[in-house]
Amino acid sequence: MAVESFGDIHALPEDCLANVLSLTSPKDACRLSAVATTFRSASQCDTVWDRFLPSDYRDLISRAVDGSDSLLAKSNSKKDLYLHLCDHPILIDGGRKSFSLEKRSGKKCYMLAARELVIVWGDTPYYWEWITLPESRFSEVAELLIVCWFEIRGKINTEMLSPGTNYAAYLVFTCKSTAYGFDHPPVKAFFVEMGGHESEKRNVCLDPGGARRLSNQFDPVGPMRTQQQEATMETNTEYPNQRSDGWMEVKLGEYFVNENGGDLEVCLMEVEDGNGKSGLIIQGIEIRPKTVNN
């Protein structure tokens, strides 16, 4: 990438180069600073990273459980602050949400803690128990003891999200070894927009071994399954994936955030089967920009 051969770029003042970098993206600014020494110093300027931070970052930090002064004191520059918010989600709103940034784009990410969700029967100790796990970012998580009616809802105002962005919602959870009741039928996930409009429902499997068992049971002849059958299995149901933090997550759906604000409700339910379900531990629902590989 012969950036340094373009004209008299070496002669440009640092603040001019910083302004140029601020019009790119965090990912591109880091790339340019790595391949072009001309941009290296400019890429450290607060001017660049102040543009990459959300315009309301000061308000968000002011809502931090640890206080804004603590976080700002740890950051020697706007770049340090940006990277800290990417790698270390901060607890806000009394510890009922976490906020972070997607590193490549600077888009906002949130996780709604289990306490921020509406869990049917969640306040009845016979059905759900609130426990503490050291591996959770929140002070409490919800453990499912036994229910037949499984329903969870989380709500966020889309004005809190980055506009013009395609977001995906994920249930972040784990399962006890004694968990049961989620192998069949799948749970239904959908969005409810302001005004009551519901998105198309999608099937979600909360059983970590569900994909493997379904694959074995789908066709008795196993390897003789048709490609069409395999494609149907993959497209009709979302299956859990392991996260880098040790939890599991399953995709609940996608939502494009336009300029119109309003509440968005993420819903997850299985109320038709009537069989008991147990052993699920819920940390929360994460809402983050859909990853695009490039």
C-alpha atoms as a PDB file:
ATOM      1  CA  MET A   1       0.000   0.000   0.000  1.00  0.00           C
ATOM      2  CA  ALA A   2       2.072   2.909  -1.351  1.00  0.00           C
ATOM      3  CA  VAL A   3       0.432   5.688   0.666  1.00  0.00           C
ATOM      4  CA  GLU A   4       3.688   7.621   1.167  1.00  0.00           C
ATOM      5  CA  SER A   5       4.309   8.010  -2.577  1.00  0.00           C
ATOM      6  CA  PHE A   6       1.213  10.177  -3.156  1.00  0.00           C
ATOM      7  CA  GLY A   7       2.326  13.759  -3.752  1.00  0.00           C
ATOM      8  CA  ASP A   8       3.743  15.879  -0.916  1.00  0.00           C
ATOM      9  CA  ILE A   9       1.817  14.144   1.876  1.00  0.00           C
ATOM     10  CA  HIS A  10       4.909  14.349   4.121  1.00  0.00           C
ATOM     11  CA  ALA A  11       4.632  18.117   4.080  1.00  0.00           C
ATOM     12  CA  LEU A  12       1.097  18.223   5.467  1.00  0.00           C
ATOM     13  CA  PRO A  13       0.800  19.327   9.100  1.00  0.00           C
ATOM     14  CA  GLU A  14      -0.116  16.720  11.659  1.00  0.00           C
ATOM     15  CA  ASP A  15      -3.498  18.242  12.466  1.00  0.00           C
ATOM     16  CA  CYS A  16      -4.422  18.056   8.773  1.00  0.00           C
ATOM     17  CA  LEU A  17      -3.434  14.375   8.613  1.00  0.00           C
ATOM     18  CA  ALA A  18      -5.375  13.743  11.814  1.00  0.00           C
ATOM     19  CA  ASN A  19      -8.448  15.297  10.258  1.00  0.00           C
ATOM     20  CA  VAL A  20      -8.063  13.033   7.221  1.00  0.00           C
ATOM     21  CA  LEU A  21      -7.808   9.942   9.445  1.00  0.00           C
ATOM     22  CA  SER A  22     -10.851  10.999  11.452  1.00  0.00           C
ATOM     23  CA  LEU A  23     -12.920  10.753   8.276  1.00  0.00           C
ATOM     24  CA  THR A  24     -12.078   7.054   7.863  1.00  0.00           C
ATOM     25  CA  SER A  25     -12.850   4.313  10.394  1.00  0.00           C
ATOM     26  CA  PRO A  26     -10.976   3.005  13.445  1.00  0.00           C
ATOM     27  CA  LYS A  27      -9.969  -0.060  11.464  1.00  0.00           C
ATOM     28  CA  ASP A  28      -8.649   1.956   8.508  1.00  0.00           C
ATOM     29  CA  ALA A  29      -6.887   4.483  10.747  1.00  0.00           C
ATOM     30  CA  CYS A  30      -4.966   1.666  12.430  1.00  0.00           C
ATOM     31  CA  ARG A  31      -4.130   0.111   9.070  1.00  0.00           C
ATOM     32  CA  LEU A  32      -2.803   3.396   7.686  1.00  0.00           C
ATOM     33  CA  SER A  33      -0.698   4.065  10.768  1.00  0.00           C
ATOM     34  CA  ALA A  34       0.807   0.579  10.438  1.00  0.00           C
ATOM     35  CA  VAL A  35       1.814   0.864   6.778  1.00  0.00           C
ATOM     36  CA  ALA A  36       2.611   4.583   6.505  1.00  0.00           C
ATOM     37  CA  THR A  37       4.967   6.317   8.944  1.00  0.00           C
ATOM     38  CA  THR A  38       3.499   9.647   7.828  1.00  0.00           C
ATOM     39  CA  PHE A  39       0.220   8.755   9.536  1.00  0.00           C
ATOM     40  CA  ARG A  40       1.699   7.096  12.616  1.00  0.00           C
ATOM     41  CA  SER A  41       1.921  10.146  14.846  1.00  0.00           C
ATOM     42  CA  ALA A  42      -1.307  11.670  13.539  1.00  0.00           C
ATOM     43  CA  SER A  43      -3.186   8.467  14.331  1.00  0.00           C
ATOM     44  CA  GLN A  44      -2.536   9.001  18.043  1.00  0.00           C
ATOM     45  CA  CYS A  45      -4.196  12.441  18.120  1.00  0.00           C
ATOM     46  CA  ASP A  46      -7.288  12.977  20.236  1.00  0.00           C
ATOM     47  CA  THR A  47      -8.865  14.663  17.196  1.00  0.00           C
ATOM     48  CA  VAL A  48      -9.022  11.290  15.441  1.00  0.00           C
ATOM     49  CA  TRP A  49     -10.383   9.203  18.273  1.00  0.00           C
ATOM     50  CA  ASP A  50     -12.808  11.832  19.498  1.00  0.00           C
ATOM     51  CA  ARG A  51     -14.510  11.473  16.105  1.00  0.00           C
ATOM     52  CA  PHE A  52     -14.590   7.689  16.465  1.00  0.00           C
ATOM     53  CA  LEU A  53     -16.165   7.798  19.920  1.00  0.00           C
ATOM     54  CA  PRO A  54     -19.980   8.109  19.982  1.00  0.00           C
ATOM     55  CA  SER A  55     -21.157  11.696  20.227  1.00  0.00           C
ATOM     56  CA  ASP A  56     -22.867  10.896  23.548  1.00  0.00           C
ATOM     57  CA  TYR A  57     -19.989   8.947  25.083  1.00  0.00           C
ATOM     58  CA  ARG A  58     -19.662  11.385  27.997  1.00  0.00           C
ATOM     59  CA  ASP A  59     -23.307  10.864  28.919  1.00  0.00           C
ATOM     60  CA  LEU A  60     -22.896   7.079  28.713  1.00  0.00           C
ATOM     61  CA  ILE A  61     -19.765   7.140  30.868  1.00  0.00           C
ATOM     62  CA  SER A  62     -21.543   9.350  33.405  1.00  0.00           C
ATOM     63  CA  ARG A  63     -24.012   6.496  33.901  1.00  0.00           C
ATOM     64  CA  ALA A  64     -21.224   4.028  34.780  1.00  0.00           C
ATOM     65  CA  VAL A  65     -21.481   2.203  38.107  1.00  0.00           C
ATOM     66  CA  ASP A  66     -17.834   3.016  38.859  1.00  0.00           C
ATOM     67  CA  GLY A  67     -18.301   6.673  37.949  1.00  0.00           C
ATOM     68  CA  SER A  68     -16.971   8.580  34.966  1.00  0.00           C
ATOM     69  CA  ASP A  69     -13.996  10.036  36.850  1.00  0.00           C
ATOM     70  CA  SER A  70     -12.554   6.580  37.447  1.00  0.00           C
ATOM     71  CA  LEU A  71     -12.688   5.596  33.781  1.00  0.00           C
ATOM     72  CA  LEU A  72     -11.403   8.929  32.469  1.00  0.00           C
ATOM     73  CA  ALA A  73      -8.530   8.841  34.957  1.00  0.00           C
ATOM     74  CA  LYS A  74      -7.379   5.502  33.540  1.00  0.00           C
ATOM     75  CA  SER A  75      -7.284   6.860  29.992  1.00  0.00           C
ATOM     76  CA  ASN A  76      -4.263   8.917  28.950  1.00  0.00           C
ATOM     77  CA  SER A  77      -5.774   9.724  25.570  1.00  0.00           C
ATOM     78  CA  LYS A  78      -8.989   9.411  23.573  1.00  0.00           C
ATOM     79  CA  LYS A  79      -7.477   6.381  21.847  1.00  0.00           C
ATOM     80  CA  ASP A  80      -6.897   4.717  25.234  1.00  0.00           C
ATOM     81  CA  LEU A  81     -10.499   5.462  26.174  1.00  0.00           C
ATOM     82  CA  TYR A  82     -11.775   4.069  22.875  1.00  0.00           C
ATOM     83  CA  LEU A  83      -9.797   0.836  23.230  1.00  0.00           C
ATOM     84  CA  HIS A  84     -10.826   0.465  26.865  1.00  0.00           C
ATOM     85  CA  LEU A  85     -14.504   0.701  25.904  1.00  0.00           C
ATOM     86  CA  CYS A  86     -13.913  -1.931  23.213  1.00  0.00           C
ATOM     87  CA  ASP A  87     -12.170  -4.448  25.443  1.00  0.00           C
ATOM     88  CA  HIS A  88     -13.820  -3.776  28.810  1.00  0.00           C
ATOM     89  CA  PRO A  89     -17.621  -3.328  28.812  1.00  0.00           C
ATOM     90  CA  ILE A  90     -18.697  -0.873  31.520  1.00  0.00           C
ATOM     91  CA  LEU A  91     -21.716  -1.388  33.726  1.00  0.00           C
ATOM     92  CA  ILE A  92     -24.287   1.401  33.489  1.00  0.00           C
ATOM     93  CA  ASP A  93     -27.747   2.209  34.820  1.00  0.00           C
ATOM     94  CA  GLY A  94     -27.236   0.671  38.230  1.00  0.00           C
ATOM     95  CA  GLY A  95     -25.513  -2.404  36.827  1.00  0.00           C
ATOM     96  CA  ARG A  96     -28.529  -3.513  34.814  1.00  0.00           C
ATOM     97  CA  LYS A  97     -26.863  -2.913  31.432  1.00  0.00           C
ATOM     98  CA  SER A  98     -23.367  -2.993  30.031  1.00  0.00           C
ATOM     99  CA  PHE A  99     -22.016  -0.731  27.303  1.00  0.00           C
ATOM    100  CA  SER A 100     -19.073  -1.235  24.966  1.00  0.00           C
ATOM    101  CA  LEU A 101     -17.888  -0.392  21.457  1.00  0.00           C
ATOM    102  CA  GLU A 102     -17.368  -2.640  18.467  1.00  0.00           C
ATOM    103  CA  LYS A 103     -13.648  -2.230  17.842  1.00  0.00           C
ATOM    104  CA  ARG A 104     -13.544  -2.053  14.054  1.00  0.00           C
ATOM    105  CA  SER A 105     -16.364   0.456  13.638  1.00  0.00           C
ATOM    106  CA  GLY A 106     -16.930   2.219  16.958  1.00  0.00           C
ATOM    107  CA  LYS A 107     -20.618   1.250  16.901  1.00  0.00           C
ATOM    108  CA  LYS A 108     -22.407   0.897  20.229  1.00  0.00           C
ATOM    109  CA  CYS A 109     -22.994  -2.474  21.881  1.00  0.00           C
ATOM    110  CA  TYR A 110     -25.186  -3.222  24.893  1.00  0.00           C
ATOM    111  CA  MET A 111     -26.052  -6.176  27.039  1.00  0.00           C
ATOM    112  CA  LEU A 112     -29.273  -6.127  29.036  1.00  0.00           C
ATOM    113  CA  ALA A 113     -28.717  -7.973  32.300  1.00  0.00           C
ATOM    114  CA  ALA A 114     -31.156 -10.710  33.303  1.00  0.00           C
ATOM    115  CA  ARG A 115     -32.520  -8.274  35.932  1.00  0.00           C
ATOM    116  CA  GLU A 116     -33.347  -5.841  33.121  1.00  0.00           C
ATOM    117  CA  LEU A 117     -35.424  -8.477  31.310  1.00  0.00           C
ATOM    118  CA  VAL A 118     -39.046  -9.395  31.843  1.00  0.00           C
ATOM    119  CA  ILE A 119     -38.962 -13.087  32.756  1.00  0.00           C
ATOM    120  CA  VAL A 120     -42.364 -14.659  33.258  1.00  0.00           C
ATOM    121  CA  TRP A 121     -42.434 -16.202  36.763  1.00  0.00           C
ATOM    122  CA  GLY A 122     -38.964 -14.682  37.317  1.00  0.00           C
ATOM    123  CA  ASP A 123     -39.901 -13.376  40.764  1.00  0.00           C
ATOM    124  CA  THR A 124     -41.320 -16.707  41.921  1.00  0.00           C
ATOM    125  CA  PRO A 125     -38.566 -18.671  43.732  1.00  0.00           C
ATOM    126  CA  TYR A 126     -40.179 -22.003  42.894  1.00  0.00           C
ATOM    127  CA  TYR A 127     -39.583 -21.378  39.179  1.00  0.00           C
ATOM    128  CA  TRP A 128     -36.513 -19.138  38.952  1.00  0.00           C
ATOM    129  CA  GLU A 129     -33.614 -18.442  41.302  1.00  0.00           C
ATOM    130  CA  TRP A 130     -31.357 -15.400  41.252  1.00  0.00           C
ATOM    131  CA  ILE A 131     -27.756 -16.395  41.841  1.00  0.00           C
ATOM    132  CA  THR A 132     -24.256 -14.920  41.626  1.00  0.00           C
ATOM    133  CA  LEU A 133     -21.628 -16.301  39.256  1.00  0.00           C
ATOM    134  CA  PRO A 134     -18.080 -14.909  39.294  1.00  0.00           C
ATOM    135  CA  GLU A 135     -17.784 -15.331  35.522  1.00  0.00           C
ATOM    136  CA  SER A 136     -20.754 -13.030  34.863  1.00  0.00           C
ATOM    137  CA  ARG A 137     -20.251  -9.312  34.278  1.00  0.00           C
ATOM    138  CA  PHE A 138     -23.437  -8.657  36.267  1.00  0.00           C
ATOM    139  CA  SER A 139     -24.051  -9.137  39.973  1.00  0.00           C
ATOM    140  CA  GLU A 140     -26.923 -11.578  39.387  1.00  0.00           C
ATOM    141  CA  VAL A 141     -27.975 -14.123  36.795  1.00  0.00           C
ATOM    142  CA  ALA A 142     -31.243 -16.014  36.503  1.00  0.00           C
ATOM    143  CA  GLU A 143     -31.290 -19.791  36.925  1.00  0.00           C
ATOM    144  CA  LEU A 144     -34.316 -21.659  35.636  1.00  0.00           C
ATOM    145  CA  LEU A 145     -35.506 -24.247  38.183  1.00  0.00           C
ATOM    146  CA  ILE A 146     -38.669 -25.464  36.449  1.00  0.00           C
ATOM    147  CA  VAL A 147     -41.286 -23.931  34.142  1.00  0.00           C
ATOM    148  CA  CYS A 148     -43.645 -25.074  31.440  1.00  0.00           C
ATOM    149  CA  TRP A 149     -44.337 -21.527  30.221  1.00  0.00           C
ATOM    150  CA  PHE A 150     -40.991 -20.104  29.055  1.00  0.00           C
ATOM    151  CA  GLU A 151     -41.091 -16.426  28.106  1.00  0.00           C
ATOM    152  CA  ILE A 152     -38.431 -13.707  28.228  1.00  0.00           C
ATOM    153  CA  ARG A 153     -38.604 -10.153  26.903  1.00  0.00           C
ATOM    154  CA  GLY A 154     -36.000  -7.418  26.741  1.00  0.00           C
ATOM    155  CA  LYS A 155     -36.562  -3.818  25.660  1.00  0.00           C
ATOM    156  CA  ILE A 156     -34.216  -1.134  24.396  1.00  0.00           C
ATOM    157  CA  ASN A 157     -34.830   2.289  22.883  1.00  0.00           C
ATOM    158  CA  THR A 158     -33.274   2.320  19.413  1.00  0.00           C
ATOM    159  CA  GLU A 159     -32.058   5.893  19.993  1.00  0.00           C
ATOM    160  CA  MET A 160     -29.424   4.307  22.240  1.00  0.00           C
ATOM    161  CA  LEU A 161     -28.028   2.395  19.250  1.00  0.00           C
ATOM    162  CA  SER A 162     -25.904   3.598  16.339  1.00  0.00           C
ATOM    163  CA  PRO A 163     -28.155   4.802  13.503  1.00  0.00           C
ATOM    164  CA  GLY A 164     -27.901   3.313  10.025  1.00  0.00           C
ATOM    165  CA  THR A 165     -26.604   0.044  11.467  1.00  0.00           C
ATOM    166  CA  ASN A 166     -27.752  -3.545  11.163  1.00  0.00           C
ATOM    167  CA  TYR A 167     -27.844  -5.023  14.681  1.00  0.00           C
ATOM    168  CA  ALA A 168     -28.206  -8.587  15.889  1.00  0.00           C
ATOM    169  CA  ALA A 169     -29.589  -9.694  19.274  1.00  0.00           C
ATOM    170  CA  TYR A 170     -28.216 -12.688  21.160  1.00  0.00           C
ATOM    171  CA  LEU A 171     -29.294 -14.544  24.268  1.00  0.00           C
ATOM    172  CA  VAL A 172     -26.197 -15.039  26.439  1.00  0.00           C
ATOM    173  CA  PHE A 173     -26.577 -18.097  28.633  1.00  0.00           C
ATOM    174  CA  THR A 174     -25.158 -21.351  29.876  1.00  0.00           C
ATOM    175  CA  CYS A 175     -26.685 -24.680  30.897  1.00  0.00           C
ATOM    176  CA  LYS A 176     -26.272 -26.938  33.888  1.00  0.00           C
ATOM    177  CA  SER A 177     -25.367 -30.550  33.193  1.00  0.00           C
ATOM    178  CA  THR A 178     -28.844 -31.511  34.440  1.00  0.00           C
ATOM    179  CA  ALA A 179     -30.672 -29.164  32.047  1.00  0.00           C
ATOM    180  CA  TYR A 180     -33.649 -30.587  30.163  1.00  0.00           C
ATOM    181  CA  GLY A 181     -36.690 -29.610  28.142  1.00  0.00           C
ATOM    182  CA  PHE A 182     -35.028 -27.532  25.400  1.00  0.00           C
ATOM    183  CA  ASP A 183     -34.226 -30.254  22.889  1.00  0.00           C
ATOM    184  CA  HIS A 184     -37.691 -30.044  21.285  1.00  0.00           C
ATOM    185  CA  PRO A 185     -39.626 -28.061  20.200  1.00  0.00           C
ATOM    186  CA  PRO A 186     -37.443 -25.026  19.437  1.00  0.00           C
ATOM    187  CA  VAL A 187     -38.053 -21.719  21.174  1.00  0.00           C
ATOM    188  CA  LYS A 188     -39.530 -18.903  19.094  1.00  0.00           C
ATOM    189  CA  ALA A 189     -37.698 -15.556  18.861  1.00  0.00           C
ATOM    190  CA  PHE A 190     -39.003 -12.326  17.360  1.00  0.00           C
ATOM    191  CA  PHE A 191     -38.941  -8.525  17.622  1.00  0.00           C
ATOM    192  CA  VAL A 192     -41.822  -6.212  18.495  1.00  0.00           C
ATOM    193  CA  GLU A 193     -41.472  -2.640  17.233  1.00  0.00           C
ATOM    194  CA  MET A 194     -43.190   0.434  18.597  1.00  0.00           C
ATOM    195  CA  GLY A 195     -46.824   0.205  17.533  1.00  0.00           C
ATOM    196  CA  GLY A 196     -46.974  -3.536  18.093  1.00  0.00           C
ATOM    197  CA  HIS A 197     -45.605  -4.721  14.743  1.00  0.00           C
ATOM    198  CA  GLU A 198     -44.053  -8.185  15.140  1.00  0.00           C
ATOM    199  CA  SER A 199     -41.216  -9.495  13.008  1.00  0.00           C
ATOM    200  CA  GLU A 200     -41.249 -12.970  11.518  1.00  0.00           C
ATOM    201  CA  LYS A 201     -40.622 -15.598  14.191  1.00  0.00           C
ATOM    202  CA  ARG A 202     -37.498 -17.721  13.982  1.00  0.00           C
ATOM    203  CA  ASN A 203     -36.665 -21.035  15.641  1.00  0.00           C
ATOM    204  CA  VAL A 204     -33.992 -20.951  18.322  1.00  0.00           C
ATOM    205  CA  CYS A 205     -32.420 -23.988  19.972  1.00  0.00           C
ATOM    206  CA  LEU A 206     -31.213 -23.505  23.551  1.00  0.00           C
ATOM    207  CA  ASP A 207     -29.901 -27.049  23.877  1.00  0.00           C
ATOM    208  CA  PRO A 208     -26.087 -26.936  23.358  1.00  0.00           C
ATOM    209  CA  GLY A 209     -26.143 -30.395  21.769  1.00  0.00           C
ATOM    210  CA  GLY A 210     -29.281 -29.759  19.782  1.00  0.00           C
ATOM    211  CA  ALA A 211     -27.674 -29.382  16.359  1.00  0.00           C
ATOM    212  CA  ARG A 212     -25.790 -32.662  16.720  1.00  0.00           C
ATOM    213  CA  ARG A 213     -28.815 -34.590  17.951  1.00  0.00           C
ATOM    214  CA  LEU A 214     -31.078 -33.151  15.289  1.00  0.00           C
ATOM    215  CA  SER A 215     -28.520 -34.087  12.656  1.00  0.00           C
ATOM    216  CA  ASN A 216     -28.501 -37.681  13.887  1.00  0.00           C
ATOM    217  CA  GLN A 217     -32.278 -37.919  14.140  1.00  0.00           C
ATOM    218  CA  PHE A 218     -33.261 -36.071  10.973  1.00  0.00           C
ATOM    219  CA  ASP A 219     -32.761 -39.035   8.679  1.00  0.00           C
ATOM    220  CA  PRO A 220     -32.171 -42.650   9.820  1.00  0.00           C
ATOM    221  CA  VAL A 221     -29.636 -43.144   7.052  1.00  0.00           C
ATOM    222  CA  GLY A 222     -27.474 -40.298   8.356  1.00  0.00           C
ATOM    223  CA  PRO A 223     -24.876 -39.721   5.616  1.00  0.00           C
ATOM    224  CA  MET A 224     -27.567 -40.220   2.960  1.00  0.00           C
ATOM    225  CA  ARG A 225     -29.326 -36.978   3.938  1.00  0.00           C
ATOM    226  CA  THR A 226     -29.948 -34.760   0.963  1.00  0.00           C
ATOM    227  CA  GLN A 227     -28.331 -31.341   0.679  1.00  0.00           C
ATOM    228  CA  GLN A 228     -31.812 -29.829   0.698  1.00  0.00           C
ATOM    229  CA  GLN A 229     -32.582 -31.454   4.062  1.00  0.00           C
ATOM    230  CA  GLU A 230     -29.317 -30.192   5.536  1.00  0.00           C
ATOM    231  CA  ALA A 231     -29.991 -26.695   4.237  1.00  0.00           C
ATOM    232  CA  THR A 232     -33.478 -26.772   5.765  1.00  0.00           C
ATOM    233  CA  MET A 233     -32.042 -27.724   9.151  1.00  0.00           C
ATOM    234  CA  GLU A 234     -29.496 -24.896   9.011  1.00  0.00           C
ATOM    235  CA  THR A 235     -31.791 -22.112   7.823  1.00  0.00           C
ATOM    236  CA  ASN A 236     -34.823 -22.887   9.974  1.00  0.00           C
ATOM    237  CA  THR A 237     -33.125 -22.973  13.383  1.00  0.00           C
ATOM    238  CA  GLU A 238     -30.435 -20.954  15.160  1.00  0.00           C
ATOM    239  CA  TYR A 239     -28.049 -22.991  17.330  1.00  0.00           C
ATOM    240  CA  PRO A 240     -25.829 -21.897  20.243  1.00  0.00           C
ATOM    241  CA  ASN A 241     -22.186 -20.937  19.793  1.00  0.00           C
ATOM    242  CA  GLN A 242     -19.422 -20.699  22.350  1.00  0.00           C
ATOM    243  CA  ARG A 243     -18.257 -17.181  23.236  1.00  0.00           C
ATOM    244  CA  SER A 244     -14.703 -16.169  24.071  1.00  0.00           C
ATOM    245  CA  ASP A 245     -15.813 -15.306  27.635  1.00  0.00           C
ATOM    246  CA  GLY A 246     -16.920 -18.892  28.330  1.00  0.00           C
ATOM    247  CA  TRP A 247     -20.659 -18.306  27.931  1.00  0.00           C
ATOM    248  CA  MET A 248     -22.816 -19.454  25.065  1.00  0.00           C
ATOM    249  CA  GLU A 249     -24.921 -17.299  22.796  1.00  0.00           C
ATOM    250  CA  VAL A 250     -27.662 -17.895  20.271  1.00  0.00           C
ATOM    251  CA  LYS A 251     -28.807 -15.396  17.683  1.00  0.00           C
ATOM    252  CA  LEU A 252     -32.376 -14.186  18.154  1.00  0.00           C
ATOM    253  CA  GLY A 253     -32.676 -12.021  15.061  1.00  0.00           C
ATOM    254  CA  GLU A 254     -31.494  -8.931  13.213  1.00  0.00           C
ATOM    255  CA  TYR A 255     -32.800  -5.381  13.166  1.00  0.00           C
ATOM    256  CA  PHE A 256     -31.800  -2.350  11.097  1.00  0.00           C
ATOM    257  CA  VAL A 257     -31.704   0.886  13.079  1.00  0.00           C
ATOM    258  CA  ASN A 258     -32.958   3.803  11.029  1.00  0.00           C
ATOM    259  CA  GLU A 259     -33.357   7.433  12.032  1.00  0.00           C
ATOM    260  CA  ASN A 260     -36.734   6.830  13.698  1.00  0.00           C
ATOM    261  CA  GLY A 261     -36.403   6.204  17.418  1.00  0.00           C
ATOM    262  CA  GLY A 262     -38.653   4.093  19.585  1.00  0.00           C
ATOM    263  CA  ASP A 263     -38.689   1.023  21.775  1.00  0.00           C
ATOM    264  CA  LEU A 264     -37.663  -2.321  20.351  1.00  0.00           C
ATOM    265  CA  GLU A 265     -38.654  -5.464  22.240  1.00  0.00           C
ATOM    266  CA  VAL A 266     -36.746  -8.721  21.855  1.00  0.00           C
ATOM    267  CA  CYS A 267     -38.945 -11.720  22.655  1.00  0.00           C
ATOM    268  CA  LEU A 268     -38.165 -15.365  23.315  1.00  0.00           C
ATOM    269  CA  MET A 269     -40.848 -17.903  24.188  1.00  0.00           C
ATOM    270  CA  GLU A 270     -41.966 -21.518  24.167  1.00  0.00           C
ATOM    271  CA  VAL A 271     -45.483 -21.824  25.590  1.00  0.00           C
ATOM    272  CA  GLU A 272     -47.102 -24.530  23.473  1.00  0.00           C
ATOM    273  CA  ASP A 273     -45.320 -27.747  24.378  1.00  0.00           C
ATOM    274  CA  GLY A 274     -46.405 -27.906  28.031  1.00  0.00           C
ATOM    275  CA  ASN A 275     -43.402 -29.967  29.138  1.00  0.00           C
ATOM    276  CA  GLY A 276     -41.105 -28.904  31.953  1.00  0.00           C
ATOM    277  CA  LYS A 277     -37.891 -27.033  31.282  1.00  0.00           C
ATOM    278  CA  SER A 278     -34.977 -26.602  33.664  1.00  0.00           C
ATOM    279  CA  GLY A 279     -31.266 -25.863  34.000  1.00  0.00           C
ATOM    280  CA  LEU A 280     -30.870 -22.723  31.897  1.00  0.00           C
ATOM    281  CA  ILE A 281     -28.773 -19.876  33.375  1.00  0.00           C
ATOM    282  CA  ILE A 282     -29.297 -16.498  31.746  1.00  0.00           C
ATOM    283  CA  GLN A 283     -26.787 -13.662  31.867  1.00  0.00           C
ATOM    284  CA  GLY A 284     -28.675 -11.351  29.519  1.00  0.00           C
ATOM    285  CA  ILE A 285     -29.462 -10.301  25.961  1.00  0.00           C
ATOM    286  CA  GLU A 286     -26.670  -8.696  23.959  1.00  0.00           C
ATOM    287  CA  ILE A 287     -27.417  -6.276  21.133  1.00  0.00           C
ATOM    288  CA  ARG A 288     -24.447  -5.557  18.904  1.00  0.00           C
ATOM    289  CA  PRO A 289     -23.690  -4.619  15.283  1.00  0.00           C
ATOM    290  CA  LYS A 290     -23.872  -7.514  12.889  1.00  0.00           C
ATOM    291  CA  THR A 291     -20.359  -8.635  12.047  1.00  0.00           C
ATOM    292  CA  VAL A 292     -19.296  -8.250   8.448  1.00  0.00           C
ATOM    293  CA  ASN A 293     -16.148 -10.115   7.454  1.00  0.00           C
ATOM    294  CA  ASN A 294     -13.886  -8.102   5.192  1.00  0.00           C
END
